[in-house]
PDB file of N, CA and C in Angstrom:
ATOM      1  N   MET A   1       0.843  -1.188   0.000  1.00  0.00           N
ATOM      2  CA  MET A   1       0.000   0.000   0.000  1.00  0.00           C
ATOM      3  C   MET A   1       0.887   1.249   0.000  1.00  0.00           C
ATOM      4  N   ALA A   2       0.605   2.159  -0.894  1.00  0.00           N
ATOM      5  CA  ALA A   2       1.390   3.385  -1.002  1.00  0.00           C
ATOM      6  C   ALA A   2       0.973   4.376   0.082  1.00  0.00           C
ATOM      7  N   LYS A   3       1.949   5.057   0.647  1.00  0.00           N
ATOM      8  CA  LYS A   3       1.662   6.045   1.676  1.00  0.00           C
ATOM      9  C   LYS A   3       1.418   7.422   1.068  1.00  0.00           C
ATOM     10  N   VAL A   4       1.560   7.533  -0.244  1.00  0.00           N
ATOM     11  CA  VAL A   4       1.305   8.772  -0.958  1.00  0.00           C
ATOM     12  C   VAL A   4      -0.021   8.621  -1.698  1.00  0.00           C
ATOM     13  N   LYS A   5      -0.878   9.630  -1.597  1.00  0.00           N
ATOM     14  CA  LYS A   5      -2.188   9.576  -2.240  1.00  0.00           C
ATOM     15  C   LYS A   5      -2.332  10.715  -3.241  1.00  0.00           C
ATOM     16  N   LYS A   6      -3.304  10.566  -4.113  1.00  0.00           N
ATOM     17  CA  LYS A   6      -3.618  11.611  -5.081  1.00  0.00           C
ATOM     18  C   LYS A   6      -4.008  12.888  -4.340  1.00  0.00           C
ATOM     19  N   GLY A   7      -3.433  14.014  -4.750  1.00  0.00           N
ATOM     20  CA  GLY A   7      -3.731  15.295  -4.110  1.00  0.00           C
ATOM     21  C   GLY A   7      -2.751  15.701  -3.033  1.00  0.00           C
ATOM     22  N   ASP A   8      -1.862  14.792  -2.614  1.00  0.00           N
ATOM     23  CA  ASP A   8      -0.859  15.117  -1.594  1.00  0.00           C
ATOM     24  C   ASP A   8       0.170  16.098  -2.146  1.00  0.00           C
ATOM     25  N   LEU A   9       0.666  16.964  -1.275  1.00  0.00           N
ATOM     26  CA  LEU A   9       1.787  17.824  -1.619  1.00  0.00           C
ATOM     27  C   LEU A   9       3.052  17.062  -1.268  1.00  0.00           C
ATOM     28  N   VAL A  10       3.933  16.869  -2.269  1.00  0.00           N
ATOM     29  CA  VAL A  10       5.147  16.092  -2.054  1.00  0.00           C
ATOM     30  C   VAL A  10       6.357  16.899  -2.491  1.00  0.00           C
ATOM     31  N   VAL A  11       7.524  16.504  -1.972  1.00  0.00           N
ATOM     32  CA  VAL A  11       8.797  17.086  -2.369  1.00  0.00           C
ATOM     33  C   VAL A  11       9.650  15.970  -2.954  1.00  0.00           C
ATOM     34  N   VAL A  12      10.359  16.281  -4.056  1.00  0.00           N
ATOM     35  CA  VAL A  12      11.221  15.301  -4.712  1.00  0.00           C
ATOM     36  C   VAL A  12      12.540  15.256  -3.956  1.00  0.00           C
ATOM     37  N   ILE A  13      12.982  14.051  -3.569  1.00  0.00           N
ATOM     38  CA  ILE A  13      14.197  13.912  -2.766  1.00  0.00           C
ATOM     39  C   ILE A  13      15.360  13.330  -3.550  1.00  0.00           C
ATOM     40  N   ALA A  14      15.132  12.924  -4.808  1.00  0.00           N
ATOM     41  CA  ALA A  14      16.206  12.367  -5.629  1.00  0.00           C
ATOM     42  C   ALA A  14      15.889  12.592  -7.097  1.00  0.00           C
ATOM     43  N   GLY A  15      16.922  12.703  -7.902  1.00  0.00           N
ATOM     44  CA  GLY A  15      16.738  12.868  -9.336  1.00  0.00           C
ATOM     45  C   GLY A  15      17.029  14.284  -9.783  1.00  0.00           C
ATOM     46  N   ARG A  16      16.765  14.553 -11.045  1.00  0.00           N
ATOM     47  CA  ARG A  16      17.117  15.859 -11.613  1.00  0.00           C
ATOM     48  C   ARG A  16      16.239  16.989 -11.094  1.00  0.00           C
ATOM     49  N   ASP A  17      15.064  16.675 -10.546  1.00  0.00           N
ATOM     50  CA  ASP A  17      14.152  17.683 -10.008  1.00  0.00           C
ATOM     51  C   ASP A  17      14.191  17.735  -8.486  1.00  0.00           C
ATOM     52  N   LYS A  18      15.302  17.325  -7.891  1.00  0.00           N
ATOM     53  CA  LYS A  18      15.436  17.270  -6.436  1.00  0.00           C
ATOM     54  C   LYS A  18      15.142  18.642  -5.823  1.00  0.00           C
ATOM     55  N   GLY A  19      14.293  18.647  -4.778  1.00  0.00           N
ATOM     56  CA  GLY A  19      13.951  19.874  -4.069  1.00  0.00           C
ATOM     57  C   GLY A  19      12.658  20.515  -4.530  1.00  0.00           C
ATOM     58  N   GLN A  20      12.125  20.118  -5.682  1.00  0.00           N
ATOM     59  CA  GLN A  20      10.885  20.706  -6.175  1.00  0.00           C
ATOM     60  C   GLN A  20       9.682  20.114  -5.454  1.00  0.00           C
ATOM     61  N   GLN A  21       8.648  20.936  -5.275  1.00  0.00           N
ATOM     62  CA  GLN A  21       7.406  20.487  -4.665  1.00  0.00           C
ATOM     63  C   GLN A  21       6.291  20.516  -5.690  1.00  0.00           C
ATOM     64  N   GLY A  22       5.310  19.650  -5.504  1.00  0.00           N
ATOM     65  CA  GLY A  22       4.164  19.619  -6.399  1.00  0.00           C
ATOM     66  C   GLY A  22       3.086  18.706  -5.864  1.00  0.00           C
ATOM     67  N   ARG A  23       1.904  18.820  -6.430  1.00  0.00           N
ATOM     68  CA  ARG A  23       0.766  17.980  -6.056  1.00  0.00           C
ATOM     69  C   ARG A  23       0.797  16.688  -6.861  1.00  0.00           C
ATOM     70  N   VAL A  24       0.384  15.596  -6.222  1.00  0.00           N
ATOM     71  CA  VAL A  24       0.317  14.298  -6.893  1.00  0.00           C
ATOM     72  C   VAL A  24      -0.941  14.282  -7.755  1.00  0.00           C
ATOM     73  N   LEU A  25      -0.759  14.081  -9.067  1.00  0.00           N
ATOM     74  CA  LEU A  25      -1.884  14.024  -9.991  1.00  0.00           C
ATOM     75  C   LEU A  25      -2.449  12.614 -10.112  1.00  0.00           C
ATOM     76  N   GLU A  26      -1.556  11.624  -9.991  1.00  0.00           N
ATOM     77  CA  GLU A  26      -1.979  10.235 -10.173  1.00  0.00           C
ATOM     78  C   GLU A  26      -0.985   9.311  -9.492  1.00  0.00           C
ATOM     79  N   VAL A  27      -1.483   8.217  -8.924  1.00  0.00           N
ATOM     80  CA  VAL A  27      -0.639   7.192  -8.315  1.00  0.00           C
ATOM     81  C   VAL A  27      -0.786   5.926  -9.144  1.00  0.00           C
ATOM     82  N   LEU A  28       0.328   5.427  -9.682  1.00  0.00           N
ATOM     83  CA  LEU A  28       0.338   4.199 -10.477  1.00  0.00           C
ATOM     84  C   LEU A  28       0.782   3.069  -9.555  1.00  0.00           C
ATOM     85  N   VAL A  29      -0.166   2.380  -8.949  1.00  0.00           N
ATOM     86  CA  VAL A  29       0.111   1.397  -7.909  1.00  0.00           C
ATOM     87  C   VAL A  29       0.863   0.195  -8.458  1.00  0.00           C
ATOM     88  N   ASP A  30       0.516  -0.241  -9.667  1.00  0.00           N
ATOM     89  CA  ASP A  30       1.126  -1.455 -10.213  1.00  0.00           C
ATOM     90  C   ASP A  30       2.613  -1.287 -10.500  1.00  0.00           C
ATOM     91  N   SER A  31       3.061  -0.068 -10.803  1.00  0.00           N
ATOM     92  CA  SER A  31       4.482   0.158 -11.088  1.00  0.00           C
ATOM     93  C   SER A  31       5.181   0.989 -10.014  1.00  0.00           C
ATOM     94  N   ASP A  32       4.527   1.245  -8.878  1.00  0.00           N
ATOM     95  CA  ASP A  32       5.089   2.014  -7.759  1.00  0.00           C
ATOM     96  C   ASP A  32       5.598   3.385  -8.202  1.00  0.00           C
ATOM     97  N   ARG A  33       4.819   4.085  -8.992  1.00  0.00           N
ATOM     98  CA  ARG A  33       5.205   5.393  -9.488  1.00  0.00           C
ATOM     99  C   ARG A  33       4.090   6.410  -9.258  1.00  0.00           C
ATOM    100  N   VAL A  34       4.475   7.682  -9.241  1.00  0.00           N
ATOM    101  CA  VAL A  34       3.509   8.774  -9.104  1.00  0.00           C
ATOM    102  C   VAL A  34       3.783   9.803 -10.191  1.00  0.00           C
ATOM    103  N   ILE A  35       2.733  10.518 -10.574  1.00  0.00           N
ATOM    104  CA  ILE A  35       2.873  11.637 -11.501  1.00  0.00           C
ATOM    105  C   ILE A  35       2.648  12.897 -10.684  1.00  0.00           C
ATOM    106  N   VAL A  36       3.675  13.767 -10.639  1.00  0.00           N
ATOM    107  CA  VAL A  36       3.643  14.972  -9.817  1.00  0.00           C
ATOM    108  C   VAL A  36       3.570  16.184 -10.739  1.00  0.00           C
ATOM    109  N   GLU A  37       2.707  17.117 -10.381  1.00  0.00           N
ATOM    110  CA  GLU A  37       2.495  18.316 -11.188  1.00  0.00           C
ATOM    111  C   GLU A  37       3.767  19.167 -11.248  1.00  0.00           C
ATOM    112  N   GLY A  38       4.248  19.447 -12.466  1.00  0.00           N
ATOM    113  CA  GLY A  38       5.406  20.302 -12.668  1.00  0.00           C
ATOM    114  C   GLY A  38       6.758  19.634 -12.450  1.00  0.00           C
ATOM    115  N   VAL A  39       6.774  18.326 -12.228  1.00  0.00           N
ATOM    116  CA  VAL A  39       8.016  17.607 -11.953  1.00  0.00           C
ATOM    117  C   VAL A  39       8.213  16.539 -13.023  1.00  0.00           C
ATOM    118  N   GLN A  40       9.484  16.306 -13.400  1.00  0.00           N
ATOM    119  CA  GLN A  40       9.837  15.269 -14.376  1.00  0.00           C
ATOM    120  C   GLN A  40       9.129  15.531 -15.712  1.00  0.00           C
ATOM    121  N   ARG A  41       9.253  16.771 -16.195  1.00  0.00           N
ATOM    122  CA  ARG A  41       8.599  17.134 -17.452  1.00  0.00           C
ATOM    123  C   ARG A  41       9.444  16.648 -18.631  1.00  0.00           C
ATOM    124  N   VAL A  42       8.779  15.984 -19.566  1.00  0.00           N
ATOM    125  CA  VAL A  42       9.437  15.451 -20.752  1.00  0.00           C
ATOM    126  C   VAL A  42       8.646  15.882 -21.982  1.00  0.00           C
ATOM    127  N   GLN A  43       9.298  15.823 -23.146  1.00  0.00           N
ATOM    128  CA  GLN A  43       8.623  16.193 -24.379  1.00  0.00           C
ATOM    129  C   GLN A  43       8.126  14.950 -25.095  1.00  0.00           C
ATOM    130  N   ARG A  44       6.868  14.993 -25.491  1.00  0.00           N
ATOM    131  CA  ARG A  44       6.252  13.900 -26.241  1.00  0.00           C
ATOM    132  C   ARG A  44       5.994  14.392 -27.659  1.00  0.00           C
ATOM    133  N   HIS A  45       6.392  13.591 -28.625  1.00  0.00           N
ATOM    134  CA  HIS A  45       6.147  13.927 -30.027  1.00  0.00           C
ATOM    135  C   HIS A  45       4.916  13.141 -30.471  1.00  0.00           C
ATOM    136  N   THR A  46       3.825  13.847 -30.725  1.00  0.00           N
ATOM    137  CA  THR A  46       2.589  13.188 -31.133  1.00  0.00           C
ATOM    138  C   THR A  46       2.337  13.462 -32.609  1.00  0.00           C
ATOM    139  N   LYS A  47       1.759  12.496 -33.250  1.00  0.00           N
ATOM    140  CA  LYS A  47       1.496  12.590 -34.676  1.00  0.00           C
ATOM    141  C   LYS A  47       0.462  13.682 -34.939  1.00  0.00           C
ATOM    142  N   VAL A  48       0.701  14.499 -35.955  1.00  0.00           N
ATOM    143  CA  VAL A  48      -0.232  15.558 -36.295  1.00  0.00           C
ATOM    144  C   VAL A  48      -1.439  14.918 -36.969  1.00  0.00           C
ATOM    145  N   ALA A  49      -2.620  15.209 -36.430  1.00  0.00           N
ATOM    146  CA  ALA A  49      -3.861  14.670 -36.966  1.00  0.00           C
ATOM    147  C   ALA A  49      -4.887  15.789 -37.024  1.00  0.00           C
ATOM    148  N   GLN A  50      -5.986  15.513 -37.669  1.00  0.00           N
ATOM    149  CA  GLN A  50      -7.036  16.502 -37.782  1.00  0.00           C
ATOM    150  C   GLN A  50      -8.293  15.947 -37.124  1.00  0.00           C
ATOM    151  N   SER A  51      -8.891  16.745 -36.229  1.00  0.00           N
ATOM    152  CA  SER A  51     -10.102  16.290 -35.572  1.00  0.00           C
ATOM    153  C   SER A  51     -11.298  16.468 -36.500  1.00  0.00           C
ATOM    154  N   GLN A  52     -12.464  16.019 -36.074  1.00  0.00           N
ATOM    155  CA  GLN A  52     -13.656  16.084 -36.913  1.00  0.00           C
ATOM    156  C   GLN A  52     -14.090  17.520 -37.192  1.00  0.00           C
ATOM    157  N   ARG A  53     -13.752  18.436 -36.286  1.00  0.00           N
ATOM    158  CA  ARG A  53     -14.138  19.834 -36.475  1.00  0.00           C
ATOM    159  C   ARG A  53     -13.125  20.601 -37.319  1.00  0.00           C
ATOM    160  N   GLY A  54     -12.056  19.950 -37.693  1.00  0.00           N
ATOM    161  CA  GLY A  54     -11.090  20.594 -38.567  1.00  0.00           C
ATOM    162  C   GLY A  54      -9.877  21.170 -37.871  1.00  0.00           C
ATOM    163  N   SER A  55      -9.831  21.141 -36.533  1.00  0.00           N
ATOM    164  CA  SER A  55      -8.671  21.681 -35.822  1.00  0.00           C
ATOM    165  C   SER A  55      -7.545  20.647 -35.853  1.00  0.00           C
ATOM    166  N   ARG A  56      -6.321  21.149 -35.913  1.00  0.00           N
ATOM    167  CA  ARG A  56      -5.164  20.259 -35.973  1.00  0.00           C
ATOM    168  C   ARG A  56      -4.660  19.983 -34.550  1.00  0.00           C
ATOM    169  N   THR A  57      -4.317  18.742 -34.289  1.00  0.00           N
ATOM    170  CA  THR A  57      -3.751  18.348 -33.011  1.00  0.00           C
ATOM    171  C   THR A  57      -2.422  17.673 -33.250  1.00  0.00           C
ATOM    172  N   GLY A  58      -1.583  17.656 -32.236  1.00  0.00           N
ATOM    173  CA  GLY A  58      -0.309  16.967 -32.359  1.00  0.00           C
ATOM    174  C   GLY A  58       0.850  17.926 -32.287  1.00  0.00           C
ATOM    175  N   GLY A  59       2.033  17.415 -32.585  1.00  0.00           N
ATOM    176  CA  GLY A  59       3.245  18.207 -32.492  1.00  0.00           C
ATOM    177  C   GLY A  59       4.024  17.819 -31.259  1.00  0.00           C
ATOM    178  N   ILE A  60       4.799  18.770 -30.710  1.00  0.00           N
ATOM    179  CA  ILE A  60       5.612  18.504 -29.532  1.00  0.00           C
ATOM    180  C   ILE A  60       4.884  19.041 -28.305  1.00  0.00           C
ATOM    181  N   GLU A  61       4.613  18.167 -27.353  1.00  0.00           N
ATOM    182  CA  GLU A  61       3.934  18.532 -26.105  1.00  0.00           C
ATOM    183  C   GLU A  61       4.869  18.256 -24.933  1.00  0.00           C
ATOM    184  N   THR A  62       4.776  19.086 -23.894  1.00  0.00           N
ATOM    185  CA  THR A  62       5.542  18.854 -22.670  1.00  0.00           C
ATOM    186  C   THR A  62       4.583  18.330 -21.615  1.00  0.00           C
ATOM    187  N   VAL A  63       4.848  17.121 -21.118  1.00  0.00           N
ATOM    188  CA  VAL A  63       3.964  16.475 -20.143  1.00  0.00           C
ATOM    189  C   VAL A  63       4.789  15.961 -18.970  1.00  0.00           C
ATOM    190  N   GLU A  64       4.102  15.643 -17.865  1.00  0.00           N
ATOM    191  CA  GLU A  64       4.769  15.073 -16.700  1.00  0.00           C
ATOM    192  C   GLU A  64       4.908  13.565 -16.882  1.00  0.00           C
ATOM    193  N   ALA A  65       6.101  13.058 -16.612  1.00  0.00           N
ATOM    194  CA  ALA A  65       6.357  11.622 -16.674  1.00  0.00           C
ATOM    195  C   ALA A  65       6.303  11.054 -15.258  1.00  0.00           C
ATOM    196  N   PRO A  66       6.034   9.761 -15.118  1.00  0.00           N
ATOM    197  CA  PRO A  66       6.009   9.149 -13.784  1.00  0.00           C
ATOM    198  C   PRO A  66       7.378   9.160 -13.128  1.00  0.00           C
ATOM    199  N   ILE A  67       7.394   9.282 -11.801  1.00  0.00           N
ATOM    200  CA  ILE A  67       8.617   9.240 -11.008  1.00  0.00           C
ATOM    201  C   ILE A  67       8.402   8.175  -9.935  1.00  0.00           C
ATOM    202  N   HIS A  68       9.458   7.458  -9.583  1.00  0.00           N
ATOM    203  CA  HIS A  68       9.301   6.370  -8.625  1.00  0.00           C
ATOM    204  C   HIS A  68       8.888   6.915  -7.265  1.00  0.00           C
ATOM    205  N   ILE A  69       8.028   6.178  -6.593  1.00  0.00           N
ATOM    206  CA  ILE A  69       7.437   6.637  -5.334  1.00  0.00           C
ATOM    207  C   ILE A  69       8.480   6.781  -4.227  1.00  0.00           C
ATOM    208  N   SER A  70       9.616   6.077  -4.353  1.00  0.00           N
ATOM    209  CA  SER A  70      10.658   6.187  -3.337  1.00  0.00           C
ATOM    210  C   SER A  70      11.429   7.503  -3.453  1.00  0.00           C
ATOM    211  N   ASN A  71      11.243   8.224  -4.546  1.00  0.00           N
ATOM    212  CA  ASN A  71      11.954   9.478  -4.767  1.00  0.00           C
ATOM    213  C   ASN A  71      11.142  10.704  -4.345  1.00  0.00           C
ATOM    214  N   VAL A  72      10.001  10.496  -3.704  1.00  0.00           N
ATOM    215  CA  VAL A  72       9.198  11.616  -3.211  1.00  0.00           C
ATOM    216  C   VAL A  72       8.872  11.410  -1.742  1.00  0.00           C
ATOM    217  N   MET A  73       8.655  12.529  -1.026  1.00  0.00           N
ATOM    218  CA  MET A  73       8.247  12.499   0.382  1.00  0.00           C
ATOM    219  C   MET A  73       7.064  13.433   0.553  1.00  0.00           C
ATOM    220  N   VAL A  74       6.145  13.048   1.401  1.00  0.00           N
ATOM    221  CA  VAL A  74       5.006  13.903   1.715  1.00  0.00           C
ATOM    222  C   VAL A  74       5.501  15.113   2.510  1.00  0.00           C
ATOM    223  N   VAL A  75       4.973  16.294   2.183  1.00  0.00           N
ATOM    224  CA  VAL A  75       5.374  17.520   2.868  1.00  0.00           C
ATOM    225  C   VAL A  75       4.609  17.629   4.183  1.00  0.00           C
ATOM    226  N   ASP A  76       5.355  17.874   5.270  1.00  0.00           N
ATOM    227  CA  ASP A  76       4.767  18.057   6.592  1.00  0.00           C
ATOM    228  C   ASP A  76       3.948  19.350   6.598  1.00  0.00           C
ATOM    229  N   PRO A  77       2.686  19.308   7.054  1.00  0.00           N
ATOM    230  CA  PRO A  77       1.852  20.516   7.035  1.00  0.00           C
ATOM    231  C   PRO A  77       2.344  21.629   7.954  1.00  0.00           C
ATOM    232  N   GLU A  78       3.145  21.298   8.967  1.00  0.00           N
ATOM    233  CA  GLU A  78       3.612  22.315   9.911  1.00  0.00           C
ATOM    234  C   GLU A  78       4.958  22.908   9.499  1.00  0.00           C
ATOM    235  N   THR A  79       5.943  22.063   9.191  1.00  0.00           N
ATOM    236  CA  THR A  79       7.294  22.553   8.910  1.00  0.00           C
ATOM    237  C   THR A  79       7.543  22.808   7.434  1.00  0.00           C
ATOM    238  N   LYS A  80       6.641  22.359   6.556  1.00  0.00           N
ATOM    239  CA  LYS A  80       6.772  22.509   5.100  1.00  0.00           C
ATOM    240  C   LYS A  80       8.017  21.827   4.549  1.00  0.00           C
ATOM    241  N   LYS A  81       8.480  20.781   5.232  1.00  0.00           N
ATOM    242  CA  LYS A  81       9.612  19.976   4.772  1.00  0.00           C
ATOM    243  C   LYS A  81       9.123  18.543   4.571  1.00  0.00           C
ATOM    244  N   GLY A  82       9.950  17.723   3.944  1.00  0.00           N
ATOM    245  CA  GLY A  82       9.590  16.334   3.727  1.00  0.00           C
ATOM    246  C   GLY A  82       9.501  15.565   5.031  1.00  0.00           C
ATOM    247  N   SER A  83       8.559  14.632   5.092  1.00  0.00           N
ATOM    248  CA  SER A  83       8.356  13.847   6.301  1.00  0.00           C
ATOM    249  C   SER A  83       7.931  12.439   5.929  1.00  0.00           C
ATOM    250  N   ARG A  84       8.309  11.489   6.785  1.00  0.00           N
ATOM    251  CA  ARG A  84       7.798  10.132   6.618  1.00  0.00           C
ATOM    252  C   ARG A  84       6.351  10.103   7.094  1.00  0.00           C
ATOM    253  N   VAL A  85       5.639   9.061   6.688  1.00  0.00           N
ATOM    254  CA  VAL A  85       4.222   8.947   7.015  1.00  0.00           C
ATOM    255  C   VAL A  85       4.010   7.782   7.965  1.00  0.00           C
ATOM    256  N   GLY A  86       3.265   8.028   9.031  1.00  0.00           N
ATOM    257  CA  GLY A  86       2.884   6.981   9.963  1.00  0.00           C
ATOM    258  C   GLY A  86       1.369   6.926  10.065  1.00  0.00           C
ATOM    259  N   TYR A  87       0.876   6.004  10.831  1.00  0.00           N
ATOM    260  CA  TYR A  87      -0.574   5.853  10.990  1.00  0.00           C
ATOM    261  C   TYR A  87      -0.926   5.821  12.464  1.00  0.00           C
ATOM    262  N   ARG A  88      -2.089   6.378  12.782  1.00  0.00           N
ATOM    263  CA  ARG A  88      -2.638   6.354  14.127  1.00  0.00           C
ATOM    264  C   ARG A  88      -4.067   5.828  14.005  1.00  0.00           C
ATOM    265  N   THR A  89      -4.433   4.933  14.896  1.00  0.00           N
ATOM    266  CA  THR A  89      -5.806   4.430  14.883  1.00  0.00           C
ATOM    267  C   THR A  89      -6.609   5.164  15.937  1.00  0.00           C
ATOM    268  N   GLU A  90      -7.831   5.500  15.578  1.00  0.00           N
ATOM    269  CA  GLU A  90      -8.710   6.159  16.528  1.00  0.00           C
ATOM    270  C   GLU A  90     -10.117   5.604  16.374  1.00  0.00           C
ATOM    271  N   GLU A  91     -10.840   5.668  17.476  1.00  0.00           N
ATOM    272  CA  GLU A  91     -12.207   5.155  17.496  1.00  0.00           C
ATOM    273  C   GLU A  91     -13.157   6.250  17.026  1.00  0.00           C
ATOM    274  N   VAL A  92     -13.992   5.927  16.026  1.00  0.00           N
ATOM    275  CA  VAL A  92     -14.957   6.878  15.489  1.00  0.00           C
ATOM    276  C   VAL A  92     -16.340   6.260  15.635  1.00  0.00           C
ATOM    277  N   GLU A  93     -17.299   7.067  16.127  1.00  0.00           N
ATOM    278  CA  GLU A  93     -18.655   6.556  16.301  1.00  0.00           C
ATOM    279  C   GLU A  93     -19.530   7.092  15.191  1.00  0.00           C
ATOM    280  N   ARG A  94     -20.102   6.156  14.416  1.00  0.00           N
ATOM    281  CA  ARG A  94     -21.013   6.515  13.342  1.00  0.00           C
ATOM    282  C   ARG A  94     -22.234   5.622  13.418  1.00  0.00           C
ATOM    283  N   ASP A  95     -23.393   6.223  13.342  1.00  0.00           N
ATOM    284  CA  ASP A  95     -24.663   5.482  13.356  1.00  0.00           C
ATOM    285  C   ASP A  95     -24.764   4.550  14.552  1.00  0.00           C
ATOM    286  N   GLY A  96     -24.257   4.982  15.689  1.00  0.00           N
ATOM    287  CA  GLY A  96     -24.331   4.181  16.900  1.00  0.00           C
ATOM    288  C   GLY A  96     -23.308   3.067  16.988  1.00  0.00           C
ATOM    289  N   ARG A  97     -22.416   2.971  16.025  1.00  0.00           N
ATOM    290  CA  ARG A  97     -21.380   1.934  16.028  1.00  0.00           C
ATOM    291  C   ARG A  97     -20.023   2.592  16.183  1.00  0.00           C
ATOM    292  N   THR A  98     -19.143   1.940  16.918  1.00  0.00           N
ATOM    293  CA  THR A  98     -17.772   2.433  17.022  1.00  0.00           C
ATOM    294  C   THR A  98     -16.904   1.658  16.045  1.00  0.00           C
ATOM    295  N   ARG A  99     -16.158   2.393  15.247  1.00  0.00           N
ATOM    296  CA  ARG A  99     -15.273   1.780  14.266  1.00  0.00           C
ATOM    297  C   ARG A  99     -13.867   2.318  14.464  1.00  0.00           C
ATOM    298  N   THR A 100     -12.895   1.513  14.122  1.00  0.00           N
ATOM    299  CA  THR A 100     -11.520   1.991  14.176  1.00  0.00           C
ATOM    300  C   THR A 100     -11.166   2.556  12.809  1.00  0.00           C
ATOM    301  N   GLN A 101     -10.543   3.724  12.814  1.00  0.00           N
ATOM    302  CA  GLN A 101     -10.172   4.387  11.580  1.00  0.00           C
ATOM    303  C   GLN A 101      -8.690   4.737  11.625  1.00  0.00           C
ATOM    304  N   ARG A 102      -7.994   4.501  10.503  1.00  0.00           N
ATOM    305  CA  ARG A 102      -6.570   4.828  10.419  1.00  0.00           C
ATOM    306  C   ARG A 102      -6.411   6.236   9.879  1.00  0.00           C
ATOM    307  N   VAL A 103      -5.594   7.027  10.556  1.00  0.00           N
ATOM    308  CA  VAL A 103      -5.346   8.412  10.158  1.00  0.00           C
ATOM    309  C   VAL A 103      -3.863   8.538   9.826  1.00  0.00           C
ATOM    310  N   ARG A 104      -3.555   9.175   8.684  1.00  0.00           N
ATOM    311  CA  ARG A 104      -2.153   9.382   8.312  1.00  0.00           C
ATOM    312  C   ARG A 104      -1.571  10.530   9.125  1.00  0.00           C
ATOM    313  N   VAL A 105      -0.348  10.327   9.623  1.00  0.00           N
ATOM    314  CA  VAL A 105       0.306  11.300  10.495  1.00  0.00           C
ATOM    315  C   VAL A 105       1.717  11.552   9.968  1.00  0.00           C
ATOM    316  N   ALA A 106       2.140  12.822   9.959  1.00  0.00           N
ATOM    317  CA  ALA A 106       3.521  13.165   9.598  1.00  0.00           C
ATOM    318  C   ALA A 106       4.408  12.853  10.787  1.00  0.00           C
ATOM    319  N   LYS A 107       5.442  12.060  10.570  1.00  0.00           N
ATOM    320  CA  LYS A 107       6.303  11.655  11.681  1.00  0.00           C
ATOM    321  C   LYS A 107       7.190  12.792  12.170  1.00  0.00           C
ATOM    322  N   ARG A 108       7.455  13.788  11.340  1.00  0.00           N
ATOM    323  CA  ARG A 108       8.318  14.904  11.714  1.00  0.00           C
ATOM    324  C   ARG A 108       7.678  15.747  12.817  1.00  0.00           C
ATOM    325  N   SER A 109       6.370  16.059  12.679  1.00  0.00           N
ATOM    326  CA  SER A 109       5.715  16.933  13.644  1.00  0.00           C
ATOM    327  C   SER A 109       4.585  16.261  14.411  1.00  0.00           C
ATOM    328  N   GLY A 110       4.090  15.144  13.926  1.00  0.00           N
ATOM    329  CA  GLY A 110       2.974  14.472  14.585  1.00  0.00           C
ATOM    330  C   GLY A 110       1.618  14.990  14.156  1.00  0.00           C
ATOM    331  N   LYS A 111       1.556  15.913  13.206  1.00  0.00           N
ATOM    332  CA  LYS A 111       0.294  16.485  12.734  1.00  0.00           C
ATOM    333  C   LYS A 111      -0.359  15.563  11.710  1.00  0.00           C
ATOM    334  N   ASP A 112      -1.698  15.643  11.652  1.00  0.00           N
ATOM    335  CA  ASP A 112      -2.443  14.850  10.665  1.00  0.00           C
ATOM    336  C   ASP A 112      -2.182  15.362   9.263  1.00  0.00           C
ATOM    337  N   ILE A 113      -2.151  14.418   8.320  1.00  0.00           N
ATOM    338  CA  ILE A 113      -2.021  14.766   6.910  1.00  0.00           C
ATOM    339  C   ILE A 113      -3.411  14.662   6.306  1.00  0.00           C
ATOM    340  N   SER A 114      -3.862  15.734   5.717  1.00  0.00           N
ATOM    341  CA  SER A 114      -5.231  15.742   5.165  1.00  0.00           C
ATOM    342  C   SER A 114      -5.341  14.955   3.892  1.00  0.00           C
TER     343      SER A 114
END
């Protein structure tokens, strides 16, 4: 199970984009990779085609490529630095039933990660 989720703010800790921060756009669980907004940008050459309305598509596009999940860290909400992720269980009462719920916690400060 990945400790990084879609929408998390992460910092890159290794690679050519080391130190950059961005939001996670997608988590690719099967290949242990994430796509981070504004990080690992590469150029894709797409074939020029014509859509049904007559507009031309294609050419050279700059898109985000996947980066391995071990090369990113979740940003601590308090210190704004990279932090490991831990879990805390708490009892939540819903509809008269008590359930245990796991909450993600930044290990650097102990604050909840939204």
